[in-house]
Amino acid sequence: MTNVNRIFRVCIARSLLVVSLAFMPLSVFAATPLDINTATAAQFSAVMSGVGMKKAEAIVAYREANGRFESVDQLSSVKGIGEGLLTRNKALIRVVEEATQTP
């Protein structure tokens, strides 16, 4: 009976691990920072801490109205994006030079 209990506990532990990994934010797995000039609203909200869909859509709308971002700091021009939010997310986002972007 002890062997059955051990197998049961191992199965439960592995199931909990799989479930917890499934609900982790995308930013935990992001190896490359998100390019703010090509990211979608869904990508912004998934990667950036403190950015929900409304702020993410505001970022995309600002980019569409004003053109490419020249620097990450330029995001502070978007309503709702402050210095604290930028500081918290600088490691997760970047600006890729237009010539180095792949189609």
PDB file of N, CA and C in Angstrom:
ATOM      1  N   MET A   1       0.809  -1.187   0.000  1.00  0.00           N
ATOM      2  CA  MET A   1       0.000   0.000   0.000  1.00  0.00           C
ATOM      3  C   MET A   1       0.862   1.264   0.000  1.00  0.00           C
ATOM      4  N   THR A   2       2.023   1.245   0.598  1.00  0.00           N
ATOM      5  CA  THR A   2       2.899   2.425   0.623  1.00  0.00           C
ATOM      6  C   THR A   2       3.349   2.818  -0.767  1.00  0.00           C
ATOM      7  N   ASN A   3       3.552   1.842  -1.599  1.00  0.00           N
ATOM      8  CA  ASN A   3       3.976   2.140  -2.965  1.00  0.00           C
ATOM      9  C   ASN A   3       2.871   2.884  -3.718  1.00  0.00           C
ATOM     10  N   VAL A   4       1.625   2.512  -3.494  1.00  0.00           N
ATOM     11  CA  VAL A   4       0.494   3.168  -4.139  1.00  0.00           C
ATOM     12  C   VAL A   4       0.393   4.609  -3.647  1.00  0.00           C
ATOM     13  N   ASN A   5       0.582   4.827  -2.350  1.00  0.00           N
ATOM     14  CA  ASN A   5       0.552   6.181  -1.793  1.00  0.00           C
ATOM     15  C   ASN A   5       1.652   7.043  -2.395  1.00  0.00           C
ATOM     16  N   ARG A   6       2.839   6.485  -2.528  1.00  0.00           N
ATOM     17  CA  ARG A   6       3.976   7.209  -3.097  1.00  0.00           C
ATOM     18  C   ARG A   6       3.693   7.597  -4.547  1.00  0.00           C
ATOM     19  N   ILE A   7       3.170   6.665  -5.319  1.00  0.00           N
ATOM     20  CA  ILE A   7       2.840   6.935  -6.723  1.00  0.00           C
ATOM     21  C   ILE A   7       1.765   8.027  -6.807  1.00  0.00           C
ATOM     22  N   PHE A   8       0.770   7.935  -5.953  1.00  0.00           N
ATOM     23  CA  PHE A   8      -0.298   8.932  -5.921  1.00  0.00           C
ATOM     24  C   PHE A   8       0.266  10.317  -5.617  1.00  0.00           C
ATOM     25  N   ARG A   9       1.133  10.430  -4.608  1.00  0.00           N
ATOM     26  CA  ARG A   9       1.723  11.723  -4.243  1.00  0.00           C
ATOM     27  C   ARG A   9       2.579  12.281  -5.371  1.00  0.00           C
ATOM     28  N   VAL A  10       3.335  11.437  -6.035  1.00  0.00           N
ATOM     29  CA  VAL A  10       4.165  11.889  -7.156  1.00  0.00           C
ATOM     30  C   VAL A  10       3.283  12.397  -8.290  1.00  0.00           C
ATOM     31  N   CYS A  11       2.218  11.691  -8.590  1.00  0.00           N
ATOM     32  CA  CYS A  11       1.294  12.128  -9.658  1.00  0.00           C
ATOM     33  C   CYS A  11       0.658  13.472  -9.317  1.00  0.00           C
ATOM     34  N   ILE A  12       0.222  13.632  -8.080  1.00  0.00           N
ATOM     35  CA  ILE A  12      -0.389  14.894  -7.654  1.00  0.00           C
ATOM     36  C   ILE A  12       0.633  16.024  -7.750  1.00  0.00           C
ATOM     37  N   ALA A  13       1.851  15.793  -7.280  1.00  0.00           N
ATOM     38  CA  ALA A  13       2.885  16.829  -7.316  1.00  0.00           C
ATOM     39  C   ALA A  13       3.196  17.245  -8.749  1.00  0.00           C
ATOM     40  N   ARG A  14       3.314  16.297  -9.639  1.00  0.00           N
ATOM     41  CA  ARG A  14       3.603  16.609 -11.045  1.00  0.00           C
ATOM     42  C   ARG A  14       2.430  17.341 -11.694  1.00  0.00           C
ATOM     43  N   SER A  15       1.220  16.934 -11.356  1.00  0.00           N
ATOM     44  CA  SER A  15       0.043  17.622 -11.904  1.00  0.00           C
ATOM     45  C   SER A  15      -0.003  19.071 -11.443  1.00  0.00           C
ATOM     46  N   LEU A  16       0.292  19.299 -10.174  1.00  0.00           N
ATOM     47  CA  LEU A  16       0.320  20.670  -9.660  1.00  0.00           C
ATOM     48  C   LEU A  16       1.399  21.504 -10.339  1.00  0.00           C
ATOM     49  N   LEU A  17       2.539  20.911 -10.612  1.00  0.00           N
ATOM     50  CA  LEU A  17       3.615  21.610 -11.307  1.00  0.00           C
ATOM     51  C   LEU A  17       3.177  22.009 -12.709  1.00  0.00           C
ATOM     52  N   VAL A  18       2.560  21.096 -13.423  1.00  0.00           N
ATOM     53  CA  VAL A  18       2.098  21.382 -14.781  1.00  0.00           C
ATOM     54  C   VAL A  18       1.063  22.499 -14.770  1.00  0.00           C
ATOM     55  N   VAL A  19       0.122  22.442 -13.843  1.00  0.00           N
ATOM     56  CA  VAL A  19      -0.912  23.469 -13.759  1.00  0.00           C
ATOM     57  C   VAL A  19      -0.296  24.822 -13.414  1.00  0.00           C
ATOM     58  N   SER A  20       0.632  24.848 -12.473  1.00  0.00           N
ATOM     59  CA  SER A  20       1.239  26.133 -12.096  1.00  0.00           C
ATOM     60  C   SER A  20       2.059  26.717 -13.243  1.00  0.00           C
ATOM     61  N   LEU A  21       2.733  25.889 -14.009  1.00  0.00           N
ATOM     62  CA  LEU A  21       3.486  26.390 -15.160  1.00  0.00           C
ATOM     63  C   LEU A  21       2.551  26.916 -16.243  1.00  0.00           C
ATOM     64  N   ALA A  22       1.394  26.315 -16.384  1.00  0.00           N
ATOM     65  CA  ALA A  22       0.444  26.741 -17.409  1.00  0.00           C
ATOM     66  C   ALA A  22      -0.104  28.140 -17.124  1.00  0.00           C
ATOM     67  N   PHE A  23      -0.151  28.530 -15.855  1.00  0.00           N
ATOM     68  CA  PHE A  23      -0.718  29.824 -15.503  1.00  0.00           C
ATOM     69  C   PHE A  23       0.324  30.893 -15.223  1.00  0.00           C
ATOM     70  N   MET A  24       1.591  30.602 -15.435  1.00  0.00           N
ATOM     71  CA  MET A  24       2.630  31.616 -15.255  1.00  0.00           C
ATOM     72  C   MET A  24       2.552  32.616 -16.387  1.00  0.00           C
ATOM     73  N   PRO A  25       2.856  33.880 -16.096  1.00  0.00           N
ATOM     74  CA  PRO A  25       2.830  34.874 -17.170  1.00  0.00           C
ATOM     75  C   PRO A  25       3.894  34.587 -18.216  1.00  0.00           C
ATOM     76  N   LEU A  26       3.618  35.030 -19.421  1.00  0.00           N
ATOM     77  CA  LEU A  26       4.536  34.823 -20.535  1.00  0.00           C
ATOM     78  C   LEU A  26       5.914  35.392 -20.243  1.00  0.00           C
ATOM     79  N   SER A  27       5.983  36.462 -19.481  1.00  0.00           N
ATOM     80  CA  SER A  27       7.253  37.122 -19.218  1.00  0.00           C
ATOM     81  C   SER A  27       8.250  36.220 -18.507  1.00  0.00           C
ATOM     82  N   VAL A  28       7.772  35.226 -17.768  1.00  0.00           N
ATOM     83  CA  VAL A  28       8.673  34.310 -17.074  1.00  0.00           C
ATOM     84  C   VAL A  28       9.475  33.500 -18.086  1.00  0.00           C
ATOM     85  N   PHE A  29       8.869  33.209 -19.230  1.00  0.00           N
ATOM     86  CA  PHE A  29       9.510  32.382 -20.232  1.00  0.00           C
ATOM     87  C   PHE A  29      10.175  33.176 -21.347  1.00  0.00           C
ATOM     88  N   ALA A  30      10.004  34.479 -21.360  1.00  0.00           N
ATOM     89  CA  ALA A  30      10.526  35.294 -22.449  1.00  0.00           C
ATOM     90  C   ALA A  30      12.045  35.348 -22.394  1.00  0.00           C
ATOM     91  N   ALA A  31      12.693  34.784 -23.395  1.00  0.00           N
ATOM     92  CA  ALA A  31      14.143  34.802 -23.456  1.00  0.00           C
ATOM     93  C   ALA A  31      14.627  36.084 -24.115  1.00  0.00           C
ATOM     94  N   THR A  32      13.865  36.598 -25.047  1.00  0.00           N
ATOM     95  CA  THR A  32      14.206  37.809 -25.767  1.00  0.00           C
ATOM     96  C   THR A  32      13.203  38.890 -25.396  1.00  0.00           C
ATOM     97  N   PRO A  33      13.688  40.088 -25.058  1.00  0.00           N
ATOM     98  CA  PRO A  33      12.750  41.172 -24.741  1.00  0.00           C
ATOM     99  C   PRO A  33      11.807  41.461 -25.911  1.00  0.00           C
ATOM    100  N   LEU A  34      10.630  41.916 -25.586  1.00  0.00           N
ATOM    101  CA  LEU A  34       9.585  42.212 -26.558  1.00  0.00           C
ATOM    102  C   LEU A  34       9.893  43.513 -27.304  1.00  0.00           C
ATOM    103  N   ASP A  35       9.834  43.476 -28.619  1.00  0.00           N
ATOM    104  CA  ASP A  35      10.048  44.676 -29.436  1.00  0.00           C
ATOM    105  C   ASP A  35       8.777  45.518 -29.397  1.00  0.00           C
ATOM    106  N   ILE A  36       8.865  46.705 -28.841  1.00  0.00           N
ATOM    107  CA  ILE A  36       7.677  47.542 -28.678  1.00  0.00           C
ATOM    108  C   ILE A  36       7.158  48.111 -29.997  1.00  0.00           C
ATOM    109  N   ASN A  37       7.916  47.978 -31.060  1.00  0.00           N
ATOM    110  CA  ASN A  37       7.466  48.470 -32.365  1.00  0.00           C
ATOM    111  C   ASN A  37       6.711  47.421 -33.175  1.00  0.00           C
ATOM    112  N   THR A  38       6.749  46.184 -32.753  1.00  0.00           N
ATOM    113  CA  THR A  38       6.039  45.134 -33.493  1.00  0.00           C
ATOM    114  C   THR A  38       5.059  44.356 -32.622  1.00  0.00           C
ATOM    115  N   ALA A  39       5.100  44.554 -31.315  1.00  0.00           N
ATOM    116  CA  ALA A  39       4.257  43.780 -30.396  1.00  0.00           C
ATOM    117  C   ALA A  39       2.779  44.118 -30.555  1.00  0.00           C
ATOM    118  N   THR A  40       1.966  43.120 -30.347  1.00  0.00           N
ATOM    119  CA  THR A  40       0.518  43.306 -30.355  1.00  0.00           C
ATOM    120  C   THR A  40       0.063  43.679 -28.935  1.00  0.00           C
ATOM    121  N   ALA A  41      -1.174  44.123 -28.829  1.00  0.00           N
ATOM    122  CA  ALA A  41      -1.722  44.457 -27.513  1.00  0.00           C
ATOM    123  C   ALA A  41      -1.717  43.228 -26.603  1.00  0.00           C
ATOM    124  N   ALA A  42      -2.028  42.078 -27.155  1.00  0.00           N
ATOM    125  CA  ALA A  42      -2.037  40.845 -26.360  1.00  0.00           C
ATOM    126  C   ALA A  42      -0.635  40.530 -25.827  1.00  0.00           C
ATOM    127  N   GLN A  43       0.381  40.755 -26.648  1.00  0.00           N
ATOM    128  CA  GLN A  43       1.754  40.509 -26.209  1.00  0.00           C
ATOM    129  C   GLN A  43       2.165  41.492 -25.122  1.00  0.00           C
ATOM    130  N   PHE A  44       1.821  42.766 -25.283  1.00  0.00           N
ATOM    131  CA  PHE A  44       2.146  43.755 -24.247  1.00  0.00           C
ATOM    132  C   PHE A  44       1.521  43.363 -22.920  1.00  0.00           C
ATOM    133  N   SER A  45       0.236  43.024 -22.941  1.00  0.00           N
ATOM    134  CA  SER A  45      -0.452  42.715 -21.684  1.00  0.00           C
ATOM    135  C   SER A  45       0.060  41.421 -21.061  1.00  0.00           C
ATOM    136  N   ALA A  46       0.538  40.489 -21.870  1.00  0.00           N
ATOM    137  CA  ALA A  46       1.052  39.231 -21.342  1.00  0.00           C
ATOM    138  C   ALA A  46       2.461  39.377 -20.768  1.00  0.00           C
ATOM    139  N   VAL A  47       3.263  40.250 -21.347  1.00  0.00           N
ATOM    140  CA  VAL A  47       4.669  40.350 -20.961  1.00  0.00           C
ATOM    141  C   VAL A  47       4.928  41.426 -19.916  1.00  0.00           C
ATOM    142  N   MET A  48       4.308  42.568 -20.066  1.00  0.00           N
ATOM    143  CA  MET A  48       4.632  43.705 -19.197  1.00  0.00           C
ATOM    144  C   MET A  48       3.852  43.673 -17.889  1.00  0.00           C
ATOM    145  N   SER A  49       4.559  43.807 -16.798  1.00  0.00           N
ATOM    146  CA  SER A  49       3.956  43.872 -15.477  1.00  0.00           C
ATOM    147  C   SER A  49       3.218  45.202 -15.313  1.00  0.00           C
ATOM    148  N   GLY A  50       1.967  45.143 -14.875  1.00  0.00           N
ATOM    149  CA  GLY A  50       1.190  46.358 -14.670  1.00  0.00           C
ATOM    150  C   GLY A  50       0.511  46.880 -15.914  1.00  0.00           C
ATOM    151  N   VAL A  51       0.584  46.136 -17.008  1.00  0.00           N
ATOM    152  CA  VAL A  51      -0.056  46.550 -18.262  1.00  0.00           C
ATOM    153  C   VAL A  51      -1.146  45.543 -18.598  1.00  0.00           C
ATOM    154  N   GLY A  52      -2.384  46.006 -18.488  1.00  0.00           N
ATOM    155  CA  GLY A  52      -3.524  45.189 -18.892  1.00  0.00           C
ATOM    156  C   GLY A  52      -3.860  45.470 -20.340  1.00  0.00           C
ATOM    157  N   MET A  53      -4.961  44.923 -20.778  1.00  0.00           N
ATOM    158  CA  MET A  53      -5.329  45.067 -22.185  1.00  0.00           C
ATOM    159  C   MET A  53      -5.604  46.522 -22.553  1.00  0.00           C
ATOM    160  N   LYS A  54      -6.196  47.309 -21.659  1.00  0.00           N
ATOM    161  CA  LYS A  54      -6.513  48.708 -21.974  1.00  0.00           C
ATOM    162  C   LYS A  54      -5.234  49.518 -22.225  1.00  0.00           C
ATOM    163  N   LYS A  55      -4.236  49.394 -21.348  1.00  0.00           N
ATOM    164  CA  LYS A  55      -2.963  50.108 -21.547  1.00  0.00           C
ATOM    165  C   LYS A  55      -2.232  49.566 -22.762  1.00  0.00           C
ATOM    166  N   ALA A  56      -2.310  48.264 -22.961  1.00  0.00           N
ATOM    167  CA  ALA A  56      -1.645  47.648 -24.116  1.00  0.00           C
ATOM    168  C   ALA A  56      -2.239  48.194 -25.420  1.00  0.00           C
ATOM    169  N   GLU A  57      -3.545  48.310 -25.464  1.00  0.00           N
ATOM    170  CA  GLU A  57      -4.195  48.868 -26.649  1.00  0.00           C
ATOM    171  C   GLU A  57      -3.830  50.335 -26.838  1.00  0.00           C
ATOM    172  N   ALA A  58      -3.646  51.063 -25.737  1.00  0.00           N
ATOM    173  CA  ALA A  58      -3.228  52.465 -25.823  1.00  0.00           C
ATOM    174  C   ALA A  58      -1.819  52.577 -26.403  1.00  0.00           C
ATOM    175  N   ILE A  59      -0.944  51.647 -26.053  1.00  0.00           N
ATOM    176  CA  ILE A  59       0.424  51.641 -26.596  1.00  0.00           C
ATOM    177  C   ILE A  59       0.371  51.433 -28.109  1.00  0.00           C
ATOM    178  N   VAL A  60      -0.398  50.443 -28.535  1.00  0.00           N
ATOM    179  CA  VAL A  60      -0.502  50.145 -29.971  1.00  0.00           C
ATOM    180  C   VAL A  60      -1.133  51.320 -30.716  1.00  0.00           C
ATOM    181  N   ALA A  61      -2.169  51.920 -30.146  1.00  0.00           N
ATOM    182  CA  ALA A  61      -2.824  53.076 -30.788  1.00  0.00           C
ATOM    183  C   ALA A  61      -1.859  54.251 -30.899  1.00  0.00           C
ATOM    184  N   TYR A  62      -1.072  54.496 -29.854  1.00  0.00           N
ATOM    185  CA  TYR A  62      -0.088  55.581 -29.886  1.00  0.00           C
ATOM    186  C   TYR A  62       0.939  55.323 -30.992  1.00  0.00           C
ATOM    187  N   ARG A  63       1.412  54.097 -31.078  1.00  0.00           N
ATOM    188  CA  ARG A  63       2.402  53.737 -32.100  1.00  0.00           C
ATOM    189  C   ARG A  63       1.819  53.908 -33.499  1.00  0.00           C
ATOM    190  N   GLU A  64       0.573  53.515 -33.692  1.00  0.00           N
ATOM    191  CA  GLU A  64      -0.065  53.658 -35.006  1.00  0.00           C
ATOM    192  C   GLU A  64      -0.261  55.131 -35.377  1.00  0.00           C
ATOM    193  N   ALA A  65      -0.545  55.975 -34.385  1.00  0.00           N
ATOM    194  CA  ALA A  65      -0.790  57.398 -34.637  1.00  0.00           C
ATOM    195  C   ALA A  65       0.500  58.199 -34.790  1.00  0.00           C
ATOM    196  N   ASN A  66       1.561  57.785 -34.096  1.00  0.00           N
ATOM    197  CA  ASN A  66       2.790  58.589 -34.045  1.00  0.00           C
ATOM    198  C   ASN A  66       4.016  57.937 -34.672  1.00  0.00           C
ATOM    199  N   GLY A  67       3.889  56.727 -35.149  1.00  0.00           N
ATOM    200  CA  GLY A  67       5.028  56.046 -35.759  1.00  0.00           C
ATOM    201  C   GLY A  67       5.845  55.268 -34.746  1.00  0.00           C
ATOM    202  N   ARG A  68       6.941  54.742 -35.235  1.00  0.00           N
ATOM    203  CA  ARG A  68       7.823  53.886 -34.431  1.00  0.00           C
ATOM    204  C   ARG A  68       8.330  54.590 -33.180  1.00  0.00           C
ATOM    205  N   PHE A  69       8.542  53.797 -32.146  1.00  0.00           N
ATOM    206  CA  PHE A  69       9.210  54.293 -30.944  1.00  0.00           C
ATOM    207  C   PHE A  69      10.704  54.313 -31.214  1.00  0.00           C
ATOM    208  N   GLU A  70      11.364  55.376 -30.831  1.00  0.00           N
ATOM    209  CA  GLU A  70      12.816  55.471 -30.997  1.00  0.00           C
ATOM    210  C   GLU A  70      13.547  54.895 -29.783  1.00  0.00           C
ATOM    211  N   SER A  71      12.876  54.896 -28.631  1.00  0.00           N
ATOM    212  CA  SER A  71      13.480  54.341 -27.418  1.00  0.00           C
ATOM    213  C   SER A  71      12.374  53.814 -26.515  1.00  0.00           C
ATOM    214  N   VAL A  72      12.747  52.965 -25.592  1.00  0.00           N
ATOM    215  CA  VAL A  72      11.808  52.432 -24.618  1.00  0.00           C
ATOM    216  C   VAL A  72      11.233  53.565 -23.771  1.00  0.00           C
ATOM    217  N   ASP A  73      12.059  54.550 -23.447  1.00  0.00           N
ATOM    218  CA  ASP A  73      11.610  55.675 -22.626  1.00  0.00           C
ATOM    219  C   ASP A  73      10.470  56.460 -23.270  1.00  0.00           C
ATOM    220  N   GLN A  74      10.348  56.400 -24.571  1.00  0.00           N
ATOM    221  CA  GLN A  74       9.284  57.110 -25.279  1.00  0.00           C
ATOM    222  C   GLN A  74       7.900  56.550 -24.932  1.00  0.00           C
ATOM    223  N   LEU A  75       7.842  55.356 -24.375  1.00  0.00           N
ATOM    224  CA  LEU A  75       6.565  54.789 -23.943  1.00  0.00           C
ATOM    225  C   LEU A  75       5.885  55.659 -22.888  1.00  0.00           C
ATOM    226  N   SER A  76       6.679  56.464 -22.167  1.00  0.00           N
ATOM    227  CA  SER A  76       6.089  57.331 -21.140  1.00  0.00           C
ATOM    228  C   SER A  76       5.174  58.399 -21.748  1.00  0.00           C
ATOM    229  N   SER A  77       5.215  58.572 -23.059  1.00  0.00           N
ATOM    230  CA  SER A  77       4.309  59.501 -23.743  1.00  0.00           C
ATOM    231  C   SER A  77       2.899  58.934 -23.861  1.00  0.00           C
ATOM    232  N   VAL A  78       2.765  57.632 -23.647  1.00  0.00           N
ATOM    233  CA  VAL A  78       1.460  56.977 -23.721  1.00  0.00           C
ATOM    234  C   VAL A  78       0.732  57.196 -22.401  1.00  0.00           C
ATOM    235  N   LYS A  79      -0.518  57.633 -22.483  1.00  0.00           N
ATOM    236  CA  LYS A  79      -1.312  57.876 -21.277  1.00  0.00           C
ATOM    237  C   LYS A  79      -1.399  56.591 -20.444  1.00  0.00           C
ATOM    238  N   GLY A  80      -1.073  56.719 -19.155  1.00  0.00           N
ATOM    239  CA  GLY A  80      -1.136  55.578 -18.251  1.00  0.00           C
ATOM    240  C   GLY A  80       0.181  54.860 -18.059  1.00  0.00           C
ATOM    241  N   ILE A  81       1.190  55.240 -18.836  1.00  0.00           N
ATOM    242  CA  ILE A  81       2.510  54.616 -18.706  1.00  0.00           C
ATOM    243  C   ILE A  81       3.429  55.622 -18.021  1.00  0.00           C
ATOM    244  N   GLY A  82       3.784  55.325 -16.788  1.00  0.00           N
ATOM    245  CA  GLY A  82       4.638  56.225 -16.024  1.00  0.00           C
ATOM    246  C   GLY A  82       6.050  55.691 -15.877  1.00  0.00           C
ATOM    247  N   GLU A  83       6.880  56.486 -15.208  1.00  0.00           N
ATOM    248  CA  GLU A  83       8.291  56.126 -15.022  1.00  0.00           C
ATOM    249  C   GLU A  83       8.453  54.834 -14.222  1.00  0.00           C
ATOM    250  N   GLY A  84       7.621  54.658 -13.192  1.00  0.00           N
ATOM    251  CA  GLY A  84       7.703  53.447 -12.372  1.00  0.00           C
ATOM    252  C   GLY A  84       7.402  52.194 -13.167  1.00  0.00           C
ATOM    253  N   LEU A  85       6.364  52.271 -13.999  1.00  0.00           N
ATOM    254  CA  LEU A  85       6.011  51.130 -14.827  1.00  0.00           C
ATOM    255  C   LEU A  85       7.125  50.824 -15.828  1.00  0.00           C
ATOM    256  N   LEU A  86       7.710  51.872 -16.399  1.00  0.00           N
ATOM    257  CA  LEU A  86       8.828  51.669 -17.336  1.00  0.00           C
ATOM    258  C   LEU A  86      10.022  51.023 -16.643  1.00  0.00           C
ATOM    259  N   THR A  87      10.359  51.528 -15.468  1.00  0.00           N
ATOM    260  CA  THR A  87      11.495  50.983 -14.723  1.00  0.00           C
ATOM    261  C   THR A  87      11.281  49.506 -14.427  1.00  0.00           C
ATOM    262  N   ARG A  88      10.079  49.151 -14.032  1.00  0.00           N
ATOM    263  CA  ARG A  88       9.754  47.765 -13.689  1.00  0.00           C
ATOM    264  C   ARG A  88       9.843  46.840 -14.905  1.00  0.00           C
ATOM    265  N   ASN A  89       9.652  47.373 -16.101  1.00  0.00           N
ATOM    266  CA  ASN A  89       9.565  46.529 -17.300  1.00  0.00           C
ATOM    267  C   ASN A  89      10.732  46.657 -18.281  1.00  0.00           C
ATOM    268  N   LYS A  90      11.715  47.493 -17.978  1.00  0.00           N
ATOM    269  CA  LYS A  90      12.794  47.746 -18.957  1.00  0.00           C
ATOM    270  C   LYS A  90      13.522  46.481 -19.409  1.00  0.00           C
ATOM    271  N   ALA A  91      13.660  45.507 -18.554  1.00  0.00           N
ATOM    272  CA  ALA A  91      14.349  44.271 -18.942  1.00  0.00           C
ATOM    273  C   ALA A  91      13.494  43.404 -19.864  1.00  0.00           C
ATOM    274  N   LEU A  92      12.208  43.685 -19.943  1.00  0.00           N
ATOM    275  CA  LEU A  92      11.290  42.858 -20.719  1.00  0.00           C
ATOM    276  C   LEU A  92      10.982  43.401 -22.106  1.00  0.00           C
ATOM    277  N   ILE A  93      11.364  44.661 -22.351  1.00  0.00           N
ATOM    278  CA  ILE A  93      11.025  45.307 -23.620  1.00  0.00           C
ATOM    279  C   ILE A  93      12.253  45.938 -24.253  1.00  0.00           C
ATOM    280  N   ARG A  94      12.157  46.198 -25.551  1.00  0.00           N
ATOM    281  CA  ARG A  94      13.268  46.833 -26.269  1.00  0.00           C
ATOM    282  C   ARG A  94      12.763  47.447 -27.561  1.00  0.00           C
ATOM    283  N   VAL A  95      13.641  48.226 -28.186  1.00  0.00           N
ATOM    284  CA  VAL A  95      13.386  48.769 -29.513  1.00  0.00           C
ATOM    285  C   VAL A  95      14.405  48.126 -30.445  1.00  0.00           C
ATOM    286  N   VAL A  96      13.906  47.449 -31.465  1.00  0.00           N
ATOM    287  CA  VAL A  96      14.780  46.816 -32.453  1.00  0.00           C
ATOM    288  C   VAL A  96      14.925  47.786 -33.614  1.00  0.00           C
ATOM    289  N   GLU A  97      16.141  47.997 -34.045  1.00  0.00           N
ATOM    290  CA  GLU A  97      16.389  48.869 -35.197  1.00  0.00           C
ATOM    291  C   GLU A  97      15.654  48.331 -36.409  1.00  0.00           C
ATOM    292  N   GLU A  98      15.094  49.209 -37.208  1.00  0.00           N
ATOM    293  CA  GLU A  98      14.299  48.801 -38.369  1.00  0.00           C
ATOM    294  C   GLU A  98      15.084  47.910 -39.330  1.00  0.00           C
ATOM    295  N   ALA A  99      16.337  48.186 -39.549  1.00  0.00           N
ATOM    296  CA  ALA A  99      17.144  47.407 -40.486  1.00  0.00           C
ATOM    297  C   ALA A  99      17.399  45.992 -40.007  1.00  0.00           C
ATOM    298  N   THR A 100      17.354  45.754 -38.684  1.00  0.00           N
ATOM    299  CA  THR A 100      17.647  44.415 -38.156  1.00  0.00           C
ATOM    300  C   THR A 100      16.419  43.576 -37.957  1.00  0.00           C
ATOM    301  N   GLN A 101      15.229  44.122 -38.192  1.00  0.00           N
ATOM    302  CA  GLN A 101      14.009  43.345 -38.036  1.00  0.00           C
ATOM    303  C   GLN A 101      13.888  42.355 -39.167  1.00  0.00           C
ATOM    304  N   THR A 102      13.377  41.178 -38.849  1.00  0.00           N
ATOM    305  CA  THR A 102      13.155  40.161 -39.877  1.00  0.00           C
ATOM    306  C   THR A 102      11.712  40.201 -40.323  1.00  0.00           C
ATOM    307  N   PRO A 103      11.460  39.992 -41.601  1.00  0.00           N
ATOM    308  CA  PRO A 103      10.074  40.073 -42.112  1.00  0.00           C
ATOM    309  C   PRO A 103       9.194  38.970 -41.607  1.00  0.00           C
TER     310      PRO A 103
END
